[in-house]
Full PDB file with SEQRES, HELIX, SHEET, SSBOND, CRYST1, ORIGX, SCALE, CONECT and MASTER records, all heavy atoms in Angstrom:
SEQRES   1 A   29  ALA LEU ALA ALA TYR ASN ALA GLY GLU LYS ALA VAL ASP          
SEQRES   2 A   29  ARG TYR LEU GLY VAL PRO PRO TYR ALA GLU THR ARG MET          
SEQRES   3 A   29  TYR VAL ARG                                                  
HELIX    1 AA1 LEU A    2  ALA A    7  1                                   6    
HELIX    2 AA2 GLU A    9  TYR A   15  1                                   7    
HELIX    3 AA3 ALA A   22  VAL A   28  1                                   7    
CRYST1    1.000    1.000    1.000  90.00  90.00  90.00 P 1           1          
ORIGX1      1.000000  0.000000  0.000000        0.00000                         
ORIGX2      0.000000  1.000000  0.000000        0.00000                         
ORIGX3      0.000000  0.000000  1.000000        0.00000                         
SCALE1      1.000000  0.000000  0.000000        0.00000                         
SCALE2      0.000000  1.000000  0.000000        0.00000                         
SCALE3      0.000000  0.000000  1.000000        0.00000                         
ATOM      1  N   ALA A   1       7.256   2.025   1.784  1.00  0.00           N  
ATOM      2  CA  ALA A   1       7.358   3.295   1.052  1.00  0.00           C  
ATOM      3  C   ALA A   1       6.697   3.181  -0.319  1.00  0.00           C  
ATOM      4  O   ALA A   1       5.972   4.096  -0.738  1.00  0.00           O  
ATOM      5  CB  ALA A   1       8.822   3.711   0.916  1.00  0.00           C  
ATOM      6  N   LEU A   2       6.917   2.085  -1.011  1.00  0.00           N  
ATOM      7  CA  LEU A   2       6.298   1.889  -2.327  1.00  0.00           C  
ATOM      8  C   LEU A   2       4.782   1.768  -2.206  1.00  0.00           C  
ATOM      9  O   LEU A   2       4.046   2.346  -3.011  1.00  0.00           O  
ATOM     10  CB  LEU A   2       6.868   0.653  -3.020  1.00  0.00           C  
ATOM     11  CG  LEU A   2       8.325   0.746  -3.445  1.00  0.00           C  
ATOM     12  CD1 LEU A   2       8.824  -0.601  -3.943  1.00  0.00           C  
ATOM     13  CD2 LEU A   2       8.506   1.811  -4.522  1.00  0.00           C  
ATOM     14  N   ALA A   3       4.327   1.019  -1.217  1.00  0.00           N  
ATOM     15  CA  ALA A   3       2.878   0.875  -1.024  1.00  0.00           C  
ATOM     16  C   ALA A   3       2.246   2.239  -0.759  1.00  0.00           C  
ATOM     17  O   ALA A   3       1.175   2.555  -1.297  1.00  0.00           O  
ATOM     18  CB  ALA A   3       2.594  -0.084   0.126  1.00  0.00           C  
ATOM     19  N   ALA A   4       2.931   3.061   0.036  1.00  0.00           N  
ATOM     20  CA  ALA A   4       2.410   4.395   0.331  1.00  0.00           C  
ATOM     21  C   ALA A   4       2.475   5.299  -0.892  1.00  0.00           C  
ATOM     22  O   ALA A   4       1.583   6.133  -1.091  1.00  0.00           O  
ATOM     23  CB  ALA A   4       3.184   5.015   1.494  1.00  0.00           C  
ATOM     24  N   TYR A   5       3.502   5.152  -1.712  1.00  0.00           N  
ATOM     25  CA  TYR A   5       3.586   5.957  -2.933  1.00  0.00           C  
ATOM     26  C   TYR A   5       2.373   5.657  -3.809  1.00  0.00           C  
ATOM     27  O   TYR A   5       1.800   6.544  -4.430  1.00  0.00           O  
ATOM     28  CB  TYR A   5       4.886   5.662  -3.688  1.00  0.00           C  
ATOM     29  CG  TYR A   5       5.234   6.713  -4.712  1.00  0.00           C  
ATOM     30  CD1 TYR A   5       6.146   7.722  -4.414  1.00  0.00           C  
ATOM     31  CD2 TYR A   5       4.652   6.730  -5.975  1.00  0.00           C  
ATOM     32  CE1 TYR A   5       6.457   8.713  -5.340  1.00  0.00           C  
ATOM     33  CE2 TYR A   5       4.956   7.711  -6.905  1.00  0.00           C  
ATOM     34  CZ  TYR A   5       5.850   8.694  -6.589  1.00  0.00           C  
ATOM     35  OH  TYR A   5       6.157   9.679  -7.508  1.00  0.00           O  
ATOM     36  N   ASN A   6       1.934   4.408  -3.823  1.00  0.00           N  
ATOM     37  CA  ASN A   6       0.801   4.000  -4.653  1.00  0.00           C  
ATOM     38  C   ASN A   6      -0.551   4.276  -3.996  1.00  0.00           C  
ATOM     39  O   ASN A   6      -1.448   4.803  -4.637  1.00  0.00           O  
ATOM     40  CB  ASN A   6       0.925   2.512  -4.993  1.00  0.00           C  
ATOM     41  CG  ASN A   6      -0.219   2.016  -5.849  1.00  0.00           C  
ATOM     42  OD1 ASN A   6      -1.169   1.454  -5.317  1.00  0.00           O  
ATOM     43  ND2 ASN A   6      -0.139   2.238  -7.140  1.00  0.00           N  
ATOM     44  N   ALA A   7      -0.688   3.913  -2.733  1.00  0.00           N  
ATOM     45  CA  ALA A   7      -2.001   3.975  -2.081  1.00  0.00           C  
ATOM     46  C   ALA A   7      -2.131   5.097  -1.055  1.00  0.00           C  
ATOM     47  O   ALA A   7      -3.232   5.356  -0.582  1.00  0.00           O  
ATOM     48  CB  ALA A   7      -2.285   2.634  -1.391  1.00  0.00           C  
ATOM     49  N   GLY A   8      -1.013   5.727  -0.708  1.00  0.00           N  
ATOM     50  CA  GLY A   8      -1.024   6.785   0.299  1.00  0.00           C  
ATOM     51  C   GLY A   8      -0.606   6.257   1.658  1.00  0.00           C  
ATOM     52  O   GLY A   8      -0.900   5.113   2.007  1.00  0.00           O  
ATOM     53  N   GLU A   9       0.090   7.100   2.407  1.00  0.00           N  
ATOM     54  CA  GLU A   9       0.593   6.648   3.701  1.00  0.00           C  
ATOM     55  C   GLU A   9      -0.528   6.369   4.696  1.00  0.00           C  
ATOM     56  O   GLU A   9      -0.400   5.509   5.568  1.00  0.00           O  
ATOM     57  CB  GLU A   9       1.637   7.601   4.281  1.00  0.00           C  
ATOM     58  CG  GLU A   9       1.182   8.998   4.544  1.00  0.00           C  
ATOM     59  CD  GLU A   9       1.503   9.989   3.440  1.00  0.00           C  
ATOM     60  OE1 GLU A   9       1.727   9.602   2.275  1.00  0.00           O  
ATOM     61  OE2 GLU A   9       1.506  11.194   3.754  1.00  0.00           O  
ATOM     62  N   LYS A  10      -1.673   7.038   4.547  1.00  0.00           N  
ATOM     63  CA  LYS A  10      -2.789   6.771   5.462  1.00  0.00           C  
ATOM     64  C   LYS A  10      -3.294   5.339   5.312  1.00  0.00           C  
ATOM     65  O   LYS A  10      -3.620   4.681   6.306  1.00  0.00           O  
ATOM     66  CB  LYS A  10      -3.920   7.774   5.244  1.00  0.00           C  
ATOM     67  CG  LYS A  10      -3.577   9.155   5.744  1.00  0.00           C  
ATOM     68  CD  LYS A  10      -4.693  10.143   5.499  1.00  0.00           C  
ATOM     69  CE  LYS A  10      -4.246  11.525   5.950  1.00  0.00           C  
ATOM     70  NZ  LYS A  10      -5.150  12.571   5.505  1.00  0.00           N  
ATOM     71  N   ALA A  11      -3.340   4.838   4.079  1.00  0.00           N  
ATOM     72  CA  ALA A  11      -3.783   3.459   3.851  1.00  0.00           C  
ATOM     73  C   ALA A  11      -2.781   2.468   4.438  1.00  0.00           C  
ATOM     74  O   ALA A  11      -3.174   1.478   5.068  1.00  0.00           O  
ATOM     75  CB  ALA A  11      -3.969   3.197   2.359  1.00  0.00           C  
ATOM     76  N   VAL A  12      -1.498   2.720   4.256  1.00  0.00           N  
ATOM     77  CA  VAL A  12      -0.470   1.825   4.798  1.00  0.00           C  
ATOM     78  C   VAL A  12      -0.532   1.817   6.316  1.00  0.00           C  
ATOM     79  O   VAL A  12      -0.474   0.755   6.944  1.00  0.00           O  
ATOM     80  CB  VAL A  12       0.933   2.228   4.280  1.00  0.00           C  
ATOM     81  CG1 VAL A  12       2.024   1.429   4.967  1.00  0.00           C  
ATOM     82  CG2 VAL A  12       1.016   2.031   2.772  1.00  0.00           C  
ATOM     83  N   ASP A  13      -0.682   2.977   6.919  1.00  0.00           N  
ATOM     84  CA  ASP A  13      -0.780   3.054   8.377  1.00  0.00           C  
ATOM     85  C   ASP A  13      -2.047   2.356   8.879  1.00  0.00           C  
ATOM     86  O   ASP A  13      -2.016   1.630   9.876  1.00  0.00           O  
ATOM     87  CB  ASP A  13      -0.746   4.504   8.844  1.00  0.00           C  
ATOM     88  CG  ASP A  13       0.642   5.132   8.746  1.00  0.00           C  
ATOM     89  OD1 ASP A  13       1.622   4.420   8.422  1.00  0.00           O  
ATOM     90  OD2 ASP A  13       0.738   6.351   8.988  1.00  0.00           O  
ATOM     91  N   ARG A  14      -3.154   2.556   8.200  1.00  0.00           N  
ATOM     92  CA  ARG A  14      -4.429   1.956   8.615  1.00  0.00           C  
ATOM     93  C   ARG A  14      -4.358   0.427   8.599  1.00  0.00           C  
ATOM     94  O   ARG A  14      -4.849  -0.237   9.504  1.00  0.00           O  
ATOM     95  CB  ARG A  14      -5.564   2.445   7.707  1.00  0.00           C  
ATOM     96  CG  ARG A  14      -6.928   1.889   8.083  1.00  0.00           C  
ATOM     97  CD  ARG A  14      -8.095   2.480   7.292  1.00  0.00           C  
ATOM     98  NE  ARG A  14      -7.898   2.518   5.865  1.00  0.00           N  
ATOM     99  CZ  ARG A  14      -7.728   3.637   5.137  1.00  0.00           C  
ATOM    100  NH1 ARG A  14      -7.723   4.807   5.721  1.00  0.00           N  
ATOM    101  NH2 ARG A  14      -7.584   3.579   3.837  1.00  0.00           N  
ATOM    102  N   TYR A  15      -3.708  -0.124   7.573  1.00  0.00           N  
ATOM    103  CA  TYR A  15      -3.617  -1.581   7.437  1.00  0.00           C  
ATOM    104  C   TYR A  15      -2.368  -2.158   8.109  1.00  0.00           C  
ATOM    105  O   TYR A  15      -2.128  -3.356   8.029  1.00  0.00           O  
ATOM    106  CB  TYR A  15      -3.667  -1.991   5.964  1.00  0.00           C  
ATOM    107  CG  TYR A  15      -5.049  -1.859   5.378  1.00  0.00           C  
ATOM    108  CD1 TYR A  15      -5.374  -0.789   4.561  1.00  0.00           C  
ATOM    109  CD2 TYR A  15      -6.034  -2.800   5.665  1.00  0.00           C  
ATOM    110  CE1 TYR A  15      -6.653  -0.664   4.023  1.00  0.00           C  
ATOM    111  CE2 TYR A  15      -7.315  -2.684   5.139  1.00  0.00           C  
ATOM    112  CZ  TYR A  15      -7.616  -1.611   4.326  1.00  0.00           C  
ATOM    113  OH  TYR A  15      -8.880  -1.497   3.805  1.00  0.00           O  
ATOM    114  N   LEU A  16      -1.563  -1.309   8.746  1.00  0.00           N  
ATOM    115  CA  LEU A  16      -0.333  -1.741   9.412  1.00  0.00           C  
ATOM    116  C   LEU A  16       0.584  -2.498   8.454  1.00  0.00           C  
ATOM    117  O   LEU A  16       1.210  -3.496   8.811  1.00  0.00           O  
ATOM    118  CB  LEU A  16      -0.645  -2.602  10.647  1.00  0.00           C  
ATOM    119  CG  LEU A  16      -1.501  -1.935  11.721  1.00  0.00           C  
ATOM    120  CD1 LEU A  16      -1.803  -2.909  12.849  1.00  0.00           C  
ATOM    121  CD2 LEU A  16      -0.818  -0.687  12.264  1.00  0.00           C  
ATOM    122  N   GLY A  17       0.644  -2.020   7.230  1.00  0.00           N  
ATOM    123  CA  GLY A  17       1.491  -2.645   6.214  1.00  0.00           C  
ATOM    124  C   GLY A  17       0.920  -2.400   4.829  1.00  0.00           C  
ATOM    125  O   GLY A  17       0.083  -1.512   4.638  1.00  0.00           O  
ATOM    126  N   VAL A  18       1.356  -3.206   3.872  1.00  0.00           N  
ATOM    127  CA  VAL A  18       0.871  -3.057   2.495  1.00  0.00           C  
ATOM    128  C   VAL A  18      -0.627  -3.327   2.488  1.00  0.00           C  
ATOM    129  O   VAL A  18      -1.080  -4.389   2.943  1.00  0.00           O  
ATOM    130  CB  VAL A  18       1.603  -4.031   1.543  1.00  0.00           C  
ATOM    131  CG1 VAL A  18       1.056  -3.915   0.124  1.00  0.00           C  
ATOM    132  CG2 VAL A  18       3.111  -3.770   1.559  1.00  0.00           C  
ATOM    133  N   PRO A  19      -1.428  -2.368   2.003  1.00  0.00           N  
ATOM    134  CA  PRO A  19      -2.883  -2.559   1.990  1.00  0.00           C  
ATOM    135  C   PRO A  19      -3.285  -3.744   1.108  1.00  0.00           C  
ATOM    136  O   PRO A  19      -2.563  -4.111   0.181  1.00  0.00           O  
ATOM    137  CB  PRO A  19      -3.419  -1.251   1.403  1.00  0.00           C  
ATOM    138  CG  PRO A  19      -2.314  -0.274   1.533  1.00  0.00           C  
ATOM    139  CD  PRO A  19      -1.043  -1.069   1.476  1.00  0.00           C  
ATOM    140  N   PRO A  20      -4.452  -4.311   1.376  1.00  0.00           N  
ATOM    141  CA  PRO A  20      -4.894  -5.479   0.609  1.00  0.00           C  
ATOM    142  C   PRO A  20      -5.491  -5.139  -0.756  1.00  0.00           C  
ATOM    143  O   PRO A  20      -6.393  -5.829  -1.235  1.00  0.00           O  
ATOM    144  CB  PRO A  20      -5.941  -6.108   1.538  1.00  0.00           C  
ATOM    145  CG  PRO A  20      -6.534  -4.934   2.244  1.00  0.00           C  
ATOM    146  CD  PRO A  20      -5.378  -3.982   2.458  1.00  0.00           C  
ATOM    147  N   TYR A  21      -5.005  -4.089  -1.382  1.00  0.00           N  
ATOM    148  CA  TYR A  21      -5.498  -3.700  -2.701  1.00  0.00           C  
ATOM    149  C   TYR A  21      -4.667  -4.438  -3.752  1.00  0.00           C  
ATOM    150  O   TYR A  21      -3.433  -4.362  -3.727  1.00  0.00           O  
ATOM    151  CB  TYR A  21      -5.353  -2.201  -2.936  1.00  0.00           C  
ATOM    152  CG  TYR A  21      -5.835  -1.295  -1.823  1.00  0.00           C  
ATOM    153  CD1 TYR A  21      -5.185  -0.100  -1.578  1.00  0.00           C  
ATOM    154  CD2 TYR A  21      -6.930  -1.615  -1.034  1.00  0.00           C  
ATOM    155  CE1 TYR A  21      -5.612   0.761  -0.572  1.00  0.00           C  
ATOM    156  CE2 TYR A  21      -7.365  -0.769  -0.024  1.00  0.00           C  
ATOM    157  CZ  TYR A  21      -6.702   0.417   0.198  1.00  0.00           C  
ATOM    158  OH  TYR A  21      -7.125   1.259   1.197  1.00  0.00           O  
ATOM    159  N   ALA A  22      -5.337  -5.103  -4.685  1.00  0.00           N  
ATOM    160  CA  ALA A  22      -4.624  -5.861  -5.717  1.00  0.00           C  
ATOM    161  C   ALA A  22      -3.650  -4.964  -6.479  1.00  0.00           C  
ATOM    162  O   ALA A  22      -2.496  -5.359  -6.729  1.00  0.00           O  
ATOM    163  CB  ALA A  22      -5.623  -6.517  -6.675  1.00  0.00           C  
ATOM    164  N   GLU A  23      -4.091  -3.765  -6.843  1.00  0.00           N  
ATOM    165  CA  GLU A  23      -3.228  -2.851  -7.604  1.00  0.00           C  
ATOM    166  C   GLU A  23      -1.958  -2.514  -6.819  1.00  0.00           C  
ATOM    167  O   GLU A  23      -0.849  -2.550  -7.366  1.00  0.00           O  
ATOM    168  CB  GLU A  23      -3.976  -1.556  -7.926  1.00  0.00           C  
ATOM    169  CG  GLU A  23      -3.100  -0.510  -8.593  1.00  0.00           C  
ATOM    170  CD  GLU A  23      -3.737   0.872  -8.656  1.00  0.00           C  
ATOM    171  OE1 GLU A  23      -4.977   0.975  -8.739  1.00  0.00           O  
ATOM    172  OE2 GLU A  23      -2.980   1.850  -8.628  1.00  0.00           O  
ATOM    173  N   THR A  24      -2.113  -2.207  -5.541  1.00  0.00           N  
ATOM    174  CA  THR A  24      -0.957  -1.829  -4.723  1.00  0.00           C  
ATOM    175  C   THR A  24      -0.022  -3.012  -4.521  1.00  0.00           C  
ATOM    176  O   THR A  24       1.198  -2.871  -4.631  1.00  0.00           O  
ATOM    177  CB  THR A  24      -1.424  -1.267  -3.366  1.00  0.00           C  
ATOM    178  OG1 THR A  24      -2.262  -0.129  -3.618  1.00  0.00           O  
ATOM    179  CG2 THR A  24      -0.252  -0.859  -2.494  1.00  0.00           C  
ATOM    180  N   ARG A  25      -0.562  -4.167  -4.267  1.00  0.00           N  
ATOM    181  CA  ARG A  25       0.284  -5.356  -4.069  1.00  0.00           C  
ATOM    182  C   ARG A  25       1.078  -5.687  -5.332  1.00  0.00           C  
ATOM    183  O   ARG A  25       2.255  -6.023  -5.253  1.00  0.00           O  
ATOM    184  CB  ARG A  25      -0.551  -6.532  -3.593  1.00  0.00           C  
ATOM    185  CG  ARG A  25      -1.027  -6.298  -2.168  1.00  0.00           C  
ATOM    186  CD  ARG A  25      -1.836  -7.449  -1.617  1.00  0.00           C  
ATOM    187  NE  ARG A  25      -2.209  -7.109  -0.258  1.00  0.00           N  
ATOM    188  CZ  ARG A  25      -1.763  -7.742   0.809  1.00  0.00           C  
ATOM    189  NH1 ARG A  25      -0.935  -8.738   0.694  1.00  0.00           N  
ATOM    190  NH2 ARG A  25      -2.145  -7.365   2.013  1.00  0.00           N  
ATOM    191  N   MET A  26       0.432  -5.590  -6.483  1.00  0.00           N  
ATOM    192  CA  MET A  26       1.128  -5.852  -7.745  1.00  0.00           C  
ATOM    193  C   MET A  26       2.181  -4.781  -8.007  1.00  0.00           C  
ATOM    194  O   MET A  26       3.294  -5.073  -8.458  1.00  0.00           O  
ATOM    195  CB  MET A  26       0.130  -5.909  -8.908  1.00  0.00           C  
ATOM    196  CG  MET A  26       0.763  -6.310 -10.225  1.00  0.00           C  
ATOM    197  SD  MET A  26       1.582  -7.928 -10.198  1.00  0.00           S  
ATOM    198  CE  MET A  26       0.181  -8.998 -10.022  1.00  0.00           C  
ATOM    199  N   TYR A  27       1.866  -3.550  -7.736  1.00  0.00           N  
ATOM    200  CA  TYR A  27       2.784  -2.425  -7.891  1.00  0.00           C  
ATOM    201  C   TYR A  27       4.048  -2.661  -7.072  1.00  0.00           C  
ATOM    202  O   TYR A  27       5.167  -2.567  -7.580  1.00  0.00           O  
ATOM    203  CB  TYR A  27       2.050  -1.152  -7.436  1.00  0.00           C  
ATOM    204  CG  TYR A  27       2.853   0.114  -7.408  1.00  0.00           C  
ATOM    205  CD1 TYR A  27       2.917   0.940  -8.525  1.00  0.00           C  
ATOM    206  CD2 TYR A  27       3.519   0.526  -6.254  1.00  0.00           C  
ATOM    207  CE1 TYR A  27       3.627   2.133  -8.487  1.00  0.00           C  
ATOM    208  CE2 TYR A  27       4.225   1.713  -6.209  1.00  0.00           C  
ATOM    209  CZ  TYR A  27       4.283   2.515  -7.333  1.00  0.00           C  
ATOM    210  OH  TYR A  27       4.982   3.689  -7.311  1.00  0.00           O  
ATOM    211  N   VAL A  28       3.873  -2.987  -5.800  1.00  0.00           N  
ATOM    212  CA  VAL A  28       5.017  -3.234  -4.915  1.00  0.00           C  
ATOM    213  C   VAL A  28       5.820  -4.425  -5.425  1.00  0.00           C  
ATOM    214  O   VAL A  28       7.048  -4.374  -5.505  1.00  0.00           O  
ATOM    215  CB  VAL A  28       4.549  -3.454  -3.458  1.00  0.00           C  
ATOM    216  CG1 VAL A  28       5.692  -3.955  -2.581  1.00  0.00           C  
ATOM    217  CG2 VAL A  28       3.956  -2.171  -2.889  1.00  0.00           C  
ATOM    218  N   ARG A  29       5.134  -5.495  -5.780  1.00  0.00           N  
ATOM    219  CA  ARG A  29       5.810  -6.712  -6.259  1.00  0.00           C  
ATOM    220  C   ARG A  29       6.665  -6.425  -7.497  1.00  0.00           C  
ATOM    221  O   ARG A  29       7.815  -6.863  -7.579  1.00  0.00           O  
ATOM    222  CB  ARG A  29       4.760  -7.780  -6.556  1.00  0.00           C  
ATOM    223  CG  ARG A  29       5.302  -9.188  -6.520  1.00  0.00           C  
ATOM    224  CD  ARG A  29       4.203 -10.252  -6.633  1.00  0.00           C  
ATOM    225  NE  ARG A  29       3.227 -10.122  -5.557  1.00  0.00           N  
ATOM    226  CZ  ARG A  29       1.896 -10.092  -5.751  1.00  0.00           C  
ATOM    227  NH1 ARG A  29       1.386 -10.176  -6.955  1.00  0.00           N  
ATOM    228  NH2 ARG A  29       1.091  -9.968  -4.738  1.00  0.00           N  
TER     229      ARG A  29                                                      
MASTER        0    0    0    3    0    0    0    6  228    1    0    3          
END                                                                             
């Protein structure tokens, strides 16, 4: 949910999880 809030649910669905974007990974962490 957090990854999608940052990167969008389409990106999370496309990558089958937290997308490999540094910004999104740091945001979630």
